[in-house]
C-alpha atoms as a PDB file:
ATOM      1  CA  UNK A   1     -15.365  -2.237  16.605  1.00  0.00           C
ATOM      2  CA  UNK A   2     -12.606  -1.377  19.058  1.00  0.00           C
ATOM      3  CA  UNK A   3     -14.705   1.312  20.731  1.00  0.00           C
ATOM      4  CA  UNK A   4     -17.598  -1.109  21.245  1.00  0.00           C
ATOM      5  CA  UNK A   5     -15.196  -3.694  22.658  1.00  0.00           C
ATOM      6  CA  UNK A   6     -13.879  -1.118  25.133  1.00  0.00           C
ATOM      7  CA  UNK A   7     -17.447  -0.325  26.212  1.00  0.00           C
ATOM      8  CA  UNK A   8     -18.089  -4.034  26.748  1.00  0.00           C
ATOM      9  CA  UNK A   9     -14.983  -4.378  28.888  1.00  0.00           C
ATOM     10  CA  UNK A  10     -15.873  -1.305  30.955  1.00  0.00           C
ATOM     11  CA  UNK A  11     -19.225  -2.856  31.790  1.00  0.00           C
ATOM     12  CA  UNK A  12     -21.266   0.337  31.709  1.00  0.00           C
ATOM     13  CA  UNK A  13     -23.038   1.359  28.547  1.00  0.00           C
ATOM     14  CA  UNK A  14     -24.315   4.876  29.100  1.00  0.00           C
ATOM     15  CA  UNK A  15     -25.694   6.904  26.209  1.00  0.00           C
ATOM     16  CA  UNK A  16     -22.547   9.037  26.207  1.00  0.00           C
ATOM     17  CA  UNK A  17     -20.294   6.033  25.683  1.00  0.00           C
ATOM     18  CA  UNK A  18     -22.528   4.305  23.128  1.00  0.00           C
ATOM     19  CA  UNK A  19     -23.518   7.287  20.949  1.00  0.00           C
ATOM     20  CA  UNK A  20     -20.010   7.937  19.614  1.00  0.00           C
ATOM     21  CA  UNK A  21     -19.237   4.408  18.416  1.00  0.00           C
ATOM     22  CA  UNK A  22     -22.744   3.917  17.026  1.00  0.00           C
ATOM     23  CA  UNK A  23     -22.458   7.198  15.119  1.00  0.00           C
ATOM     24  CA  UNK A  24     -19.061   6.129  13.811  1.00  0.00           C
ATOM     25  CA  UNK A  25     -20.506   2.800  12.670  1.00  0.00           C
ATOM     26  CA  UNK A  26     -23.363   4.581  10.878  1.00  0.00           C
ATOM     27  CA  UNK A  27     -20.936   6.890   9.086  1.00  0.00           C
ATOM     28  CA  UNK A  28     -18.776   3.950   7.991  1.00  0.00           C
ATOM     29  CA  UNK A  29     -21.909   2.145   6.785  1.00  0.00           C
ATOM     30  CA  UNK A  30     -22.866   5.191   4.712  1.00  0.00           C
ATOM     31  CA  UNK A  31     -19.371   5.288   3.176  1.00  0.00           C
ATOM     32  CA  UNK A  32     -19.581   1.581   2.430  1.00  0.00           C
ATOM     33  CA  UNK A  33     -22.922   2.016   0.686  1.00  0.00           C
ATOM     34  CA  UNK A  34     -21.594   5.024  -1.219  1.00  0.00           C
ATOM     35  CA  UNK A  35     -18.887   2.764  -2.641  1.00  0.00           C
ATOM     36  CA  UNK A  36     -20.954  -0.413  -3.065  1.00  0.00           C
ATOM     37  CA  UNK A  37     -24.000   0.998  -4.872  1.00  0.00           C
ATOM     38  CA  UNK A  38     -22.070   2.569  -7.789  1.00  0.00           C
ATOM     39  CA  UNK A  39     -19.922  -0.572  -8.006  1.00  0.00           C
ATOM     40  CA  UNK A  40     -23.003  -2.785  -8.350  1.00  0.00           C
ATOM     41  CA  UNK A  41     -24.562  -0.447 -10.915  1.00  0.00           C
ATOM     42  CA  UNK A  42     -21.336  -0.426 -12.927  1.00  0.00           C
ATOM     43  CA  UNK A  43     -21.058  -4.193 -12.724  1.00  0.00           C
ATOM     44  CA  UNK A  44     -24.633  -4.668 -13.955  1.00  0.00           C
ATOM     45  CA  UNK A  45     -24.036  -2.230 -16.816  1.00  0.00           C
ATOM     46  CA  UNK A  46     -20.917  -4.142 -17.877  1.00  0.00           C
ATOM     47  CA  UNK A  47     -22.777  -7.465 -17.705  1.00  0.00           C
ATOM     48  CA  UNK A  48     -25.551  -6.113 -19.953  1.00  0.00           C
ATOM     49  CA  UNK A  49     -22.973  -4.754 -22.400  1.00  0.00           C
ATOM     50  CA  UNK A  50     -21.164  -8.081 -22.440  1.00  0.00           C
ATOM     51  CA  UNK A  51     -24.400  -9.975 -23.124  1.00  0.00           C
ATOM     52  CA  UNK A  52     -25.235  -7.639 -26.014  1.00  0.00           C
ATOM     53  CA  UNK A  53     -21.750  -8.074 -27.490  1.00  0.00           C
ATOM     54  CA  UNK A  54     -21.975 -11.848 -27.134  1.00  0.00           C
ATOM     55  CA  UNK A  55     -25.319 -11.839 -28.950  1.00  0.00           C
ATOM     56  CA  UNK A  56     -23.736  -9.937 -31.846  1.00  0.00           C
ATOM     57  CA  UNK A  57     -20.834 -12.398 -31.962  1.00  0.00           C
ATOM     58  CA  UNK A  58     -23.238 -15.346 -31.782  1.00  0.00           C
ATOM     59  CA  UNK A  59     -25.308 -13.936 -34.662  1.00  0.00           C
ATOM     60  CA  UNK A  60     -22.174 -13.268 -36.734  1.00  0.00           C
ATOM     61  CA  UNK A  61     -20.870 -16.768 -36.005  1.00  0.00           C
ATOM     62  CA  UNK A  62     -24.180 -18.249 -37.146  1.00  0.00           C
ATOM     63  CA  UNK A  63     -23.878 -16.372 -40.433  1.00  0.00           C
ATOM     64  CA  UNK A  64     -20.306 -17.563 -40.938  1.00  0.00           C
ATOM     65  CA  UNK A  65     -21.371 -21.119 -40.154  1.00  0.00           C
ATOM     66  CA  UNK A  66     -24.190 -20.974 -42.707  1.00  0.00           C
ATOM     67  CA  UNK A  67     -21.821 -19.559 -45.331  1.00  0.00           C
ATOM     68  CA  UNK A  68     -19.221 -22.261 -44.702  1.00  0.00           C
ATOM     69  CA  UNK A  69     -21.851 -24.972 -44.975  1.00  0.00           C
ATOM     70  CA  UNK A  70     -22.817 -23.623 -48.378  1.00  0.00           C
ATOM     71  CA  UNK A  71     -26.171 -22.288 -47.338  1.00  0.00           C
ATOM     72  CA  UNK A  72     -25.229 -18.716 -48.073  1.00  0.00           C
ATOM     73  CA  UNK A  73     -27.552 -16.151 -46.607  1.00  0.00           C
ATOM     74  CA  UNK A  74     -30.846 -17.137 -45.127  1.00  0.00           C
ATOM     75  CA  UNK A  75     -33.829 -16.182 -47.242  1.00  0.00           C
ATOM     76  CA  UNK A  76     -35.620 -13.139 -45.956  1.00  0.00           C
ATOM     77  CA  UNK A  77     -32.605 -11.837 -44.088  1.00  0.00           C
END
């Protein structure tokens, strides 16, 4: 950012002055993606795991509810 600002102030944007900052920006973008992609994959994995755990808890809670109401176990289950 600061290098591009300096180029803007200088008024001349030759390939020599632009290539360095653009290359730096591309490298930083690659590092950002290298961090962001695994973070998103990990987040999605945790969300799926949480949903599966909640489904187990919901099923267990339904069984407890049926037992407390006196229904016992459902037939066929």
